[in-house]
Protein backbone atom coordinates (compact mmCIF):
# COMPACT_ATOMS: atom_id res chain seq x y z
CA MET A 1 112.18 140.16 89.57
CA MET A 2 113.35 136.78 89.37
CA LYS A 3 117.05 137.79 89.86
CA LYS A 4 116.07 139.74 92.85
CA ILE A 5 114.53 136.48 94.57
CA VAL A 6 117.62 134.59 93.62
CA SER A 7 119.80 137.32 95.27
CA ILE A 8 117.87 137.28 98.39
CA LEU A 9 118.04 133.32 98.55
CA LEU A 10 121.72 133.24 97.96
CA ASN A 11 122.55 136.08 99.91
CA ILE A 12 124.41 137.73 97.21
CA LYS A 13 126.15 140.94 98.47
CA GLY A 14 127.09 143.95 96.46
CA ASP A 15 126.50 144.90 92.87
CA PHE A 16 129.95 143.39 91.72
CA GLN A 17 128.95 140.21 93.06
CA ASN A 18 125.66 140.35 91.86
CA LEU A 19 126.71 141.02 88.15
CA PHE A 20 129.74 138.56 88.40
CA ILE A 21 127.45 135.67 89.26
CA PHE A 22 124.69 136.44 86.98
CA ASN A 23 127.00 136.76 83.95
CA GLU A 24 128.85 133.56 84.75
CA TYR A 25 125.55 131.91 85.13
CA GLU A 26 124.69 132.79 81.66
CA GLU A 27 127.92 131.75 80.36
CA LEU A 28 127.84 128.33 81.94
CA THR A 29 124.55 127.33 81.05
CA GLY A 30 124.80 128.70 77.42
CA LYS A 31 122.61 131.21 75.53
CA SER A 32 120.09 128.22 74.43
CA LYS A 33 120.15 127.06 77.99
CA SER A 34 121.37 123.86 76.77
CA GLY A 35 123.14 123.10 80.08
CA ILE A 36 119.57 123.69 81.99
CA ILE A 37 117.94 121.48 79.72
CA THR A 38 120.47 118.72 79.67
CA LEU A 39 120.73 118.69 83.36
CA SER A 40 116.82 118.97 83.70
CA VAL A 41 116.56 115.71 81.34
CA ILE A 42 119.07 113.78 83.47
CA LEU A 43 117.31 114.58 86.91
CA GLY A 44 113.90 113.92 85.31
CA ILE A 45 114.86 110.47 84.42
CA THR A 46 116.46 109.87 87.78
CA PHE A 47 113.31 110.99 89.64
CA LEU A 48 111.43 109.07 87.24
CA ALA A 49 113.50 106.02 87.81
CA LEU A 50 113.48 106.61 91.57
CA GLY A 51 109.72 107.43 91.96
CA TYR A 52 108.93 104.16 90.30
CA ALA A 53 111.50 102.34 92.39
CA ILE A 54 110.18 103.88 95.54
CA GLY A 55 106.47 103.08 94.44
CA GLY A 56 107.20 99.52 93.96
CA ILE A 57 108.98 98.99 97.18
CA ASN A 58 106.16 100.72 98.85
CA TYR A 59 103.57 98.33 97.08
CA LEU A 60 105.97 95.32 98.11
CA LYS A 61 106.25 96.60 101.52
CA GLU A 62 102.37 96.97 101.59
CA LYS A 63 102.17 93.34 100.38
CA MET A 64 104.69 91.95 102.74
CA ASP A 65 102.94 93.39 105.72
CA ASP A 66 99.67 91.83 104.60
CA PRO A 67 98.91 88.97 106.38
CA PHE A 68 96.86 88.01 102.96
CA THR A 69 100.42 87.22 101.73
CA ASN A 70 102.27 86.63 105.08
CA TRP A 71 101.00 83.15 105.86
CA VAL A 72 101.72 79.67 105.16
CA ASN A 73 98.82 77.07 105.18
CA LEU A 74 98.95 73.62 106.75
CA GLU A 75 96.53 70.97 105.95
CA ILE A 76 95.99 68.71 108.77
CA LYS A 77 96.07 65.39 107.24
CA GLN A 78 95.22 62.13 109.11
CA SER A 79 98.70 60.72 109.16
CA TYR A 80 99.74 63.67 111.55
CA ARG A 81 96.54 64.88 113.33
CA ASP A 82 97.85 63.74 116.72
CA LYS A 83 100.71 66.10 116.24
CA VAL A 84 98.85 69.27 115.84
CA THR A 85 98.39 70.02 119.26
CA ASN A 86 102.38 69.76 119.98
CA VAL A 87 102.94 72.08 116.89
CA GLN A 88 100.79 74.80 118.22
CA LEU A 89 102.04 74.40 121.89
CA GLU A 90 105.41 74.88 120.50
CA MET A 91 105.23 77.56 117.69
CA GLU A 92 103.04 79.61 120.35
CA ARG A 93 106.18 80.14 122.38
CA ASP A 94 107.96 83.62 122.36
CA SER A 95 111.35 82.02 121.61
CA MET A 96 109.75 80.16 118.51
CA LYS A 97 107.89 83.07 117.46
CA SER A 98 111.11 85.19 117.48
CA LYS A 99 113.22 82.52 115.76
CA PHE A 100 111.06 82.34 112.60
CA MET A 101 109.68 85.67 112.90
CA LEU A 102 105.91 84.26 113.36
CA ASN A 103 103.01 86.61 114.35
CA ASN A 104 100.52 84.33 115.41
CA ILE A 105 99.16 80.63 114.67
CA GLY A 106 95.57 80.03 113.71
CA GLN A 107 93.19 77.31 113.17
CA TYR A 108 90.22 77.10 110.71
CA ASN A 109 87.94 75.18 108.36
CA ILE A 110 86.71 75.85 105.00
CA GLU A 111 83.12 74.42 104.22
CA PHE A 112 80.54 75.04 101.66
CA LEU A 113 76.96 76.38 102.70
CA PRO A 114 73.73 76.91 100.89
CA PHE A 115 72.62 80.47 100.69
CA VAL A 116 69.07 81.52 99.56
CA ASN A 117 68.20 83.99 96.93
CA TYR A 118 65.56 85.67 98.77
CA MET A 119 63.57 86.91 95.71
CA ASN A 120 63.24 83.49 93.68
CA GLY A 121 64.19 80.90 96.58
CA GLU A 122 67.10 79.17 94.70
CA GLU A 123 69.93 77.89 96.55
CA TYR A 124 73.61 78.59 95.97
CA ASN A 125 76.44 76.75 97.53
CA ILE A 126 79.30 79.23 98.52
CA ARG A 127 82.50 78.84 100.28
CA LEU A 128 83.21 79.74 103.87
CA ARG A 129 86.13 79.96 106.16
CA THR A 130 86.16 80.37 109.90
CA LEU A 131 88.21 83.11 111.68
CA ASP A 132 88.89 83.80 115.09
CA LEU A 133 87.98 87.21 116.52
CA GLU A 134 91.59 87.46 117.93
CA ASP A 135 93.24 86.27 114.86
CA ASN A 136 95.16 89.39 113.36
CA LEU A 137 94.16 88.58 109.99
CA LEU A 138 90.55 89.66 110.91
CA GLY A 139 92.12 93.04 111.74
CA GLU A 140 93.76 93.52 108.24
CA ILE A 141 90.30 92.30 106.41
CA LEU A 142 88.49 94.77 108.35
CA SER A 143 91.03 97.87 108.93
CA SER A 144 89.91 100.98 107.81
CA SER A 145 93.30 102.10 106.41
CA LYS A 146 93.54 99.01 103.72
CA GLY A 147 90.39 100.12 101.94
CA ASN A 148 89.09 96.51 101.94
CA VAL A 149 85.67 97.33 103.64
CA VAL A 150 82.95 98.42 101.24
CA SER A 151 80.23 98.80 103.70
CA GLY A 152 79.48 97.68 107.50
CA TYR A 153 82.12 97.53 110.31
CA SER A 154 85.69 98.57 109.92
CA TYR A 155 88.55 98.47 112.29
CA ASN A 156 90.44 101.61 113.29
CA GLY A 157 93.14 99.52 114.82
CA ASP A 158 92.36 100.42 118.64
CA GLY A 159 91.47 97.95 121.17
CA PRO A 160 89.68 94.37 120.55
CA ILE A 161 87.47 93.99 117.31
CA ASP A 162 83.98 94.65 118.42
CA ILE A 163 81.77 92.38 116.18
CA GLU A 164 78.97 89.93 117.06
CA GLN A 165 79.95 86.51 117.18
CA CYS A 166 77.25 85.08 114.69
CA GLY A 167 77.61 88.12 112.09
CA ILE A 168 79.06 87.17 108.77
CA ILE A 169 81.74 88.94 106.65
CA ILE A 170 80.88 88.63 102.86
CA LYS A 171 82.71 89.43 99.85
CA GLU A 172 81.25 91.93 97.59
CA SER A 173 81.32 89.77 94.38
CA SER A 174 79.73 86.72 96.21
CA LEU A 175 76.75 89.00 97.46
CA ARG A 176 76.06 90.25 93.81
CA SER A 177 76.21 86.50 92.61
CA LEU A 178 73.24 86.20 95.00
CA GLY A 179 71.23 88.57 93.39
CA TYR A 180 72.00 91.87 95.40
CA GLU A 181 72.76 94.72 93.33
CA ASP A 182 72.84 97.36 96.09
CA VAL A 183 75.45 95.50 98.22
CA GLU A 184 75.92 98.44 100.65
CA SER A 185 72.16 98.26 101.76
CA VAL A 186 72.12 94.60 102.58
CA ARG A 187 71.60 93.87 106.32
CA ARG A 188 70.66 90.25 106.63
CA ILE A 189 71.12 87.37 104.28
CA PRO A 190 69.35 83.73 104.26
CA ILE A 191 71.58 80.65 104.90
CA LYS A 192 70.04 77.30 104.43
CA VAL A 193 70.74 75.01 107.51
CA GLU A 194 69.26 71.53 106.92
CA ASN A 195 65.67 72.28 106.20
CA PHE A 196 65.79 75.63 108.05
CA VAL A 197 66.72 79.17 106.95
CA VAL A 198 68.38 81.59 109.28
CA TYR A 199 68.79 85.36 108.81
CA PRO A 200 72.43 86.40 110.51
CA GLU A 201 73.33 89.90 110.03
CA ILE A 202 76.06 91.06 107.74
CA THR A 203 78.86 92.63 109.47
CA ALA A 204 80.59 93.96 106.43
CA VAL A 205 80.91 93.58 102.97
CA VAL A 206 84.49 93.46 101.83
CA LYS A 207 86.30 93.32 98.47
CA GLU A 208 88.81 90.44 99.31
CA LEU A 209 88.79 87.47 101.67
CA PRO A 210 91.75 85.09 102.11
CA ASN A 211 91.61 81.33 100.58
CA LEU A 212 89.44 82.45 97.86
CA VAL A 213 86.31 81.96 100.25
CA ASP A 214 83.01 84.01 99.61
CA PHE A 215 82.46 84.82 103.57
CA VAL A 216 83.83 84.45 106.75
CA ILE A 217 82.14 83.51 110.23
CA THR A 218 83.49 82.77 113.87
CA PRO A 219 84.33 79.09 114.79
CA HIS A 220 81.42 79.68 117.22
CA PHE A 221 79.05 80.56 114.47
CA TYR A 222 80.42 77.68 112.53
CA THR A 223 79.87 75.18 115.23
CA LEU A 224 76.23 76.22 115.79
CA LEU A 225 75.61 75.60 112.08
CA ILE A 226 77.05 72.34 111.64
CA GLU A 227 76.46 70.72 115.16
CA SER A 228 73.46 68.74 116.25
CA PHE A 229 70.60 71.26 117.23
CA GLU A 230 69.91 69.32 120.16
CA THR A 231 73.32 69.74 121.71
CA THR A 232 73.85 73.20 120.95
CA ASN A 233 70.14 74.49 121.20
CA PHE A 234 71.00 77.06 118.27
CA ILE A 235 67.56 76.24 116.86
CA ASN A 236 64.54 74.77 119.06
CA ILE A 237 63.44 71.64 117.04
CA SER A 238 61.01 70.40 119.77
CA SER A 239 57.37 69.95 118.79
CA SER A 240 55.45 73.47 118.88
CA ASN A 241 52.08 74.70 117.69
CA LYS A 242 53.63 77.51 115.53
CA ILE A 243 55.22 78.07 112.28
CA GLU A 244 57.20 81.40 111.15
CA VAL A 245 57.51 82.19 107.46
CA ILE A 246 59.01 85.57 105.91
CA SER A 247 57.51 87.34 102.77
CA PRO A 248 58.75 90.71 101.00
CA GLU A 249 54.85 91.63 100.98
CA THR A 250 54.32 94.34 103.42
CA ASP A 251 50.54 94.20 103.44
CA LYS A 252 50.17 92.23 106.69
CA LYS A 253 46.40 91.82 106.50
CA LYS A 254 46.64 90.28 102.80
CA LEU A 255 49.07 88.07 104.10
CA GLU A 256 47.08 86.54 107.12
CA ASP A 257 44.10 86.17 104.75
CA ASP A 258 46.33 84.53 102.31
CA VAL A 259 48.03 81.87 104.73
CA ARG A 260 44.63 80.80 105.95
CA LYS A 261 43.26 80.24 102.41
CA SER A 262 46.39 78.41 101.32
CA LEU A 263 46.74 76.08 104.01
CA LYS A 264 43.54 73.91 103.17
CA ASN A 265 44.49 70.56 104.98
CA PHE A 266 45.50 72.49 108.19
CA SER A 267 43.53 74.78 110.51
CA VAL A 268 45.34 78.04 111.46
CA ALA A 269 43.94 79.16 114.96
CA SER A 270 45.54 82.58 114.80
CA THR A 271 48.44 84.58 113.09
CA ASP A 272 50.77 87.45 114.23
CA THR A 273 52.89 89.77 112.25
CA ARG A 274 56.00 91.51 112.64
CA GLU A 275 58.47 93.54 110.28
CA ILE A 276 62.11 92.85 109.84
CA GLU A 277 64.61 94.82 107.64
CA LEU A 278 66.77 92.53 105.25
CA VAL A 279 67.76 95.22 102.87
CA ASP A 280 68.19 98.98 104.16
CA GLY A 281 64.98 100.80 103.57
CA GLU A 282 63.02 97.64 102.40
CA ILE A 283 60.67 95.86 105.03
CA SER A 284 59.65 92.47 104.75
CA THR A 285 57.08 90.66 107.01
CA ILE A 286 57.34 87.67 109.32
CA VAL A 287 54.21 85.65 109.68
CA THR A 288 53.80 83.50 112.84
CA LEU A 289 51.05 80.93 112.29
CA TYR A 290 49.58 79.41 115.37
CA PHE A 291 47.65 75.96 115.28
CA ASN A 292 45.67 73.99 117.58
CA ASP A 293 47.87 70.92 117.29
CA TYR A 294 51.59 70.49 118.23
CA PHE A 295 53.58 69.36 115.38
CA ARG A 296 57.10 67.89 114.90
CA TYR A 297 59.46 69.77 112.46
CA SER A 298 58.97 67.10 109.73
CA VAL A 299 55.17 68.03 109.58
CA LYS A 300 56.02 71.60 109.71
CA ASP A 301 58.14 71.18 106.67
CA THR A 302 55.10 69.68 104.85
CA ILE A 303 52.93 72.85 106.08
CA VAL A 304 55.57 75.31 104.59
CA SER A 305 55.64 73.33 101.31
CA GLU A 306 51.70 73.11 101.01
CA LEU A 307 51.81 77.04 101.63
CA LYS A 308 54.29 77.79 98.97
CA GLN A 309 52.41 75.69 96.35
CA ASN A 310 49.08 77.20 97.08
CA SER A 311 49.84 80.84 97.63
CA SER A 312 50.40 83.55 95.16
CA TYR A 313 52.93 85.24 97.30
CA VAL A 314 56.56 84.29 97.83
CA TYR A 315 57.14 82.95 101.17
CA ASN A 316 60.53 81.45 102.65
CA ARG A 317 60.95 79.49 106.01
CA PHE A 318 61.84 81.54 108.86
CA SER A 319 63.76 79.80 111.86
CA PRO A 320 64.36 81.82 115.08
CA TRP A 321 67.80 81.03 116.29
CA GLU A 322 69.94 81.67 119.46
CA CYS A 323 73.65 82.80 119.32
CA ASN A 324 74.14 82.97 122.93
CA VAL A 325 73.49 79.55 123.88
CA GLY A 326 75.62 79.44 126.99
CA THR A 327 78.70 78.00 125.59
CA LEU A 328 81.30 79.71 123.54
CA TYR A 329 82.07 77.12 121.21
CA ASN A 330 85.60 76.43 119.13
CA ILE A 331 86.98 74.25 116.54
CA ASP A 332 87.99 71.00 118.11
CA ASP A 333 88.96 69.28 115.14
CA PRO A 334 90.38 71.73 112.56
CA TYR A 335 91.13 71.16 108.85
CA TYR A 336 93.90 73.71 108.48
CA LEU A 337 96.57 75.62 110.50
CA SER A 338 97.87 79.20 109.27
CA PHE A 339 101.04 80.61 110.27
CA ASN A 340 101.18 84.37 109.89
CA PHE A 341 104.90 85.83 109.49
CA ASP A 342 106.06 89.21 110.25
CA GLN A 343 108.58 88.62 107.65
CA LEU A 344 109.10 86.11 105.18
CA ASP A 345 113.19 85.56 105.59
CA LYS A 346 112.60 82.40 107.73
CA VAL A 347 110.10 80.60 105.81
CA ARG A 348 112.32 77.83 104.63
CA ASP A 349 114.07 77.45 108.09
CA PHE A 350 110.29 77.15 109.45
CA LYS A 351 109.68 74.42 106.54
CA ASN A 352 112.59 72.46 107.41
CA HIS A 353 111.96 72.84 111.12
CA MET A 354 108.33 71.36 110.57
CA TRP A 355 109.98 68.44 108.94
CA ASP A 356 112.69 67.57 110.91
CA ARG A 357 110.69 67.40 114.22
CA TYR A 358 107.51 66.64 113.29
CA GLU A 359 107.68 64.96 109.68
CA VAL A 360 105.14 67.45 108.60
CA GLU A 361 105.68 68.58 105.20
CA ILE A 362 104.87 72.25 104.11
CA SER A 363 104.29 72.85 100.42
CA MET A 364 107.42 74.01 98.41
CA ASP A 365 105.12 75.93 96.28
CA GLN A 366 104.22 78.15 99.34
CA VAL A 367 107.70 78.32 100.63
CA GLU A 368 109.16 79.29 97.16
CA GLN A 369 106.60 81.76 96.80
CA LYS A 370 107.08 83.37 99.92
CA GLU A 371 111.01 83.36 99.47
CA ASN A 372 110.81 84.89 95.91
CA PHE A 373 108.44 87.61 97.41
CA ALA A 374 110.98 88.49 100.04
CA LEU A 375 113.76 88.11 97.21
CA VAL A 376 112.13 90.61 94.96
CA SER A 377 111.68 93.08 97.79
CA ASN A 378 115.49 93.06 98.82
CA LEU A 379 116.48 93.16 95.18
CA THR A 380 114.41 96.22 94.52
CA ASN A 381 115.72 98.07 97.34
CA PHE A 382 119.50 97.01 96.19
CA ILE A 383 118.92 97.88 92.66
CA SER A 384 117.40 101.46 93.62
CA LEU A 385 120.29 102.05 95.74
CA ILE A 386 122.66 101.33 92.70
CA LEU A 387 120.53 103.14 90.31
CA PHE A 388 120.76 106.31 92.72
CA GLY A 389 124.30 106.06 93.02
CA PHE A 390 124.85 105.93 89.21
CA SER A 391 122.38 109.01 88.68
CA ILE A 392 124.55 110.88 91.36
CA LEU A 393 127.62 109.82 89.35
CA SER A 394 126.07 111.06 86.41
CA ILE A 395 124.76 114.46 87.61
CA VAL A 396 128.16 115.22 89.35
CA PHE A 397 130.35 114.09 86.22
CA TYR A 398 128.04 116.42 83.97
CA VAL A 399 128.10 119.46 86.11
CA ASN A 400 131.89 119.34 87.08
CA SER A 401 132.51 118.79 83.21
CA LEU A 402 130.53 121.73 82.62
CA LEU A 403 132.41 123.60 85.29
CA ARG A 404 135.86 122.56 84.29
CA THR A 405 135.52 123.48 80.75
CA HIS A 406 134.22 127.13 81.86
CA LEU A 407 136.94 127.70 84.37
CA GLU A 408 139.62 126.27 81.49
CA LYS A 409 138.20 129.11 79.28
CA ILE A 410 138.09 131.89 81.64
CA LYS A 411 141.45 130.99 83.18
CA MET A 412 143.05 134.31 82.05
CA ASN A 413 139.97 136.27 83.09
CA LEU A 414 140.44 134.65 86.90
CA GLY A 415 143.98 135.40 86.94
CA THR A 416 143.39 139.11 86.01
CA LEU A 417 140.73 139.53 88.80
CA LYS A 418 143.07 137.54 91.23
CA ALA A 419 146.11 139.99 90.43
CA PHE A 420 143.73 142.71 91.04
CA GLY A 421 143.05 141.52 94.54
CA LEU A 422 140.25 139.49 94.34
CA ASN A 423 140.50 136.63 96.85
CA ASN A 424 139.96 132.85 96.45
CA ASN A 425 136.93 132.89 99.05
CA PHE A 426 134.96 135.40 96.90
CA LEU A 427 135.55 133.44 93.91
CA ILE A 428 134.64 130.02 95.53
CA SER A 429 131.56 131.56 97.23
CA SER A 430 130.27 132.81 93.83
CA TYR A 431 130.73 129.68 91.64
CA LEU A 432 129.10 127.49 94.41
CA LYS A 433 125.98 130.16 94.35
CA ILE A 434 126.00 129.85 90.39
CA ILE A 435 126.36 125.81 90.88
CA LEU A 436 123.46 125.95 93.46
CA THR A 437 121.34 128.12 91.03
CA PHE A 438 122.10 126.00 88.15
CA ILE A 439 121.03 122.82 89.88
CA GLY A 440 118.13 124.26 91.72
CA ILE A 441 116.55 125.33 88.69
CA SER A 442 117.12 122.04 87.19
CA ILE A 443 115.62 120.10 89.74
CA ALA A 444 112.33 122.52 89.95
CA ILE A 445 112.05 121.67 86.13
CA ALA A 446 112.54 118.04 86.40
CA TYR A 447 110.15 117.83 89.52
CA VAL A 448 107.45 119.79 87.82
CA ILE A 449 107.60 117.42 84.75
CA CYS A 450 107.46 114.23 87.04
CA GLY A 451 104.85 115.80 88.99
CA ILE A 452 102.81 116.30 85.83
CA TRP A 453 103.44 112.76 84.66
CA ASP A 454 101.96 111.61 88.28
CA LEU A 455 98.66 113.29 87.44
CA LEU A 456 98.41 111.99 84.03
CA GLU A 457 99.41 108.29 85.13
CA SER A 458 96.80 108.29 87.80
CA ARG A 459 94.08 109.10 85.28
CA LEU A 460 95.41 106.92 82.54
CA PHE A 461 95.94 103.87 84.44
CA SER A 462 93.83 102.17 87.50
CA THR A 463 96.74 100.96 89.34
CA SER A 464 100.02 103.38 89.55
CA TYR A 465 103.34 102.42 91.36
CA PHE A 466 104.83 105.82 90.69
CA ASP A 467 105.59 108.02 93.99
CA VAL A 468 107.45 111.07 93.38
CA PHE A 469 105.81 112.84 96.28
CA ASN A 470 107.93 111.11 98.79
CA TYR A 471 110.24 112.04 101.54
CA LYS A 472 112.84 109.62 100.12
CA ILE A 473 112.81 111.80 97.06
CA LEU A 474 113.51 114.93 99.19
CA ILE A 475 116.60 113.18 100.71
CA ALA A 476 117.75 112.48 97.19
CA ILE A 477 117.66 115.86 96.30
CA ILE A 478 119.48 117.08 99.16
CA VAL A 479 122.26 114.26 98.72
CA ILE A 480 122.43 115.31 95.02
CA ILE A 481 122.82 118.87 95.88
CA ILE A 482 125.58 118.55 98.75
CA THR A 483 127.50 116.12 96.65
CA ALA A 484 127.51 118.34 93.35
CA LEU A 485 128.64 121.17 95.60
CA ILE A 486 131.31 119.22 97.42
CA THR A 487 132.93 117.98 94.23
CA SER A 488 132.24 121.57 92.71
CA GLN A 489 134.39 123.24 95.34
CA ARG A 490 137.04 120.58 94.85
CA THR A 491 137.26 121.60 91.23
CA ILE A 492 136.98 125.38 91.63
CA SER A 493 139.78 125.37 94.65
CA LYS A 494 142.00 123.08 92.45
CA THR A 495 141.80 125.96 89.71
CA LEU A 496 142.37 128.66 92.06
CA LEU A 497 145.20 127.45 93.85
CA LYS A 498 147.34 128.59 90.70
CA THR A 499 149.02 132.00 90.97
CA PRO A 500 147.57 134.95 88.97
CA GLY A 501 150.61 134.25 86.81
CA ASP A 502 150.11 130.50 86.18
CA LEU A 503 146.26 131.32 85.22
CA ILE A 504 147.21 134.24 82.81
CA TYR A 505 149.89 132.74 81.06
CA ASN A 506 148.31 129.33 81.25
CA ARG A 507 151.23 127.52 82.83
């Protein structure tokens, strides 16, 4: 059955050619199939080496294309703070972007903000970074194809990023450190701002964020959090006759009775309750307390403290806030500039330009890190080409050595066949089909072995850089087959150029 399939695939015509090809194939490969085994081992090693080289290159390319890696950060020091505007204006020109392979220039701040553990009320200082909605880094963080988003909004690459100005993007590990086990269910999280607590929505939970920060917010939200509330109107701090608190208790009647009983020094005129979902499927209750008198916020803090002290329920301050305050704020005095590069080849030129023109020094550690990254990628490409070239030479040398030895052994038979009228075209065509069968079977065996190894490795190791199911491997196989056939044809033709007499009498 197998012989019939091979005959059809190779277009073997006539019983004589069929018998000749399969008999010669058996002689060439040996009774123990040592030729097939040896060539399969050579090809297997070649595919393994190429698979790891291609997988490594793909990994490096992925890292090279990732703005988590492709940036240089500049801390804005007081000595050159006045030059920042000129640096930004120059580097935003298309000619400079092209010259240094720059993608975009951003500005950002890094700060610490206290978050509140909702269940026990403890505060944790965690690190934030600002990131503009138009920054391409945000697209990479939220990209649906990168696998960085655990839950929430993911970006498919089409159009602008559609998220709220006052949402937060938080790292999964940071959310767990705040006491949340089911991170995918968290919808809002409390942030302490002065004496107030606000509950912004979580836009997305992600695996990694740049600069080792815990969460990312927009410059607009950052400004609302740190600037004076009198200026931004983020929180209304004027005197009023109401206070809002939030509790995980869902029985509204119990909460209303409890706040009246707990506030002995303050007379509560009326109460109101509403629900809010901080965690998916878990309802919390906001209790609004109305008084007959108007209080300043300093007095309201005293009221909340008394409520917490006297009550048997858990209460936290709830501060209504406004994101759309009429003005879209940006950072006027950034702490850092970030330069995102399409490629890292011109990083040193960029560093030299910044010093020569502005006397602004980019850390050499950053520059060398980027250069080394680019160098490793280029070296990996170069070494993989050398490896492939060496593999082709080894395969071609082995096949030709085997073929030359076999032809030398049967020269008398070839001379006899030619003497009886068998032409060179028939013999060349037949031997090329034998070589094609020989190489094809060896490639199939080697590829199956590599495929099995790929499956095993993916189960044994959490991270695998082996990639044998790649179009480059297919190209390599085609190149190997064509090269082997061309060199084999030359070897066969050189032998068959001799006359029948010369072949028979080994002249």
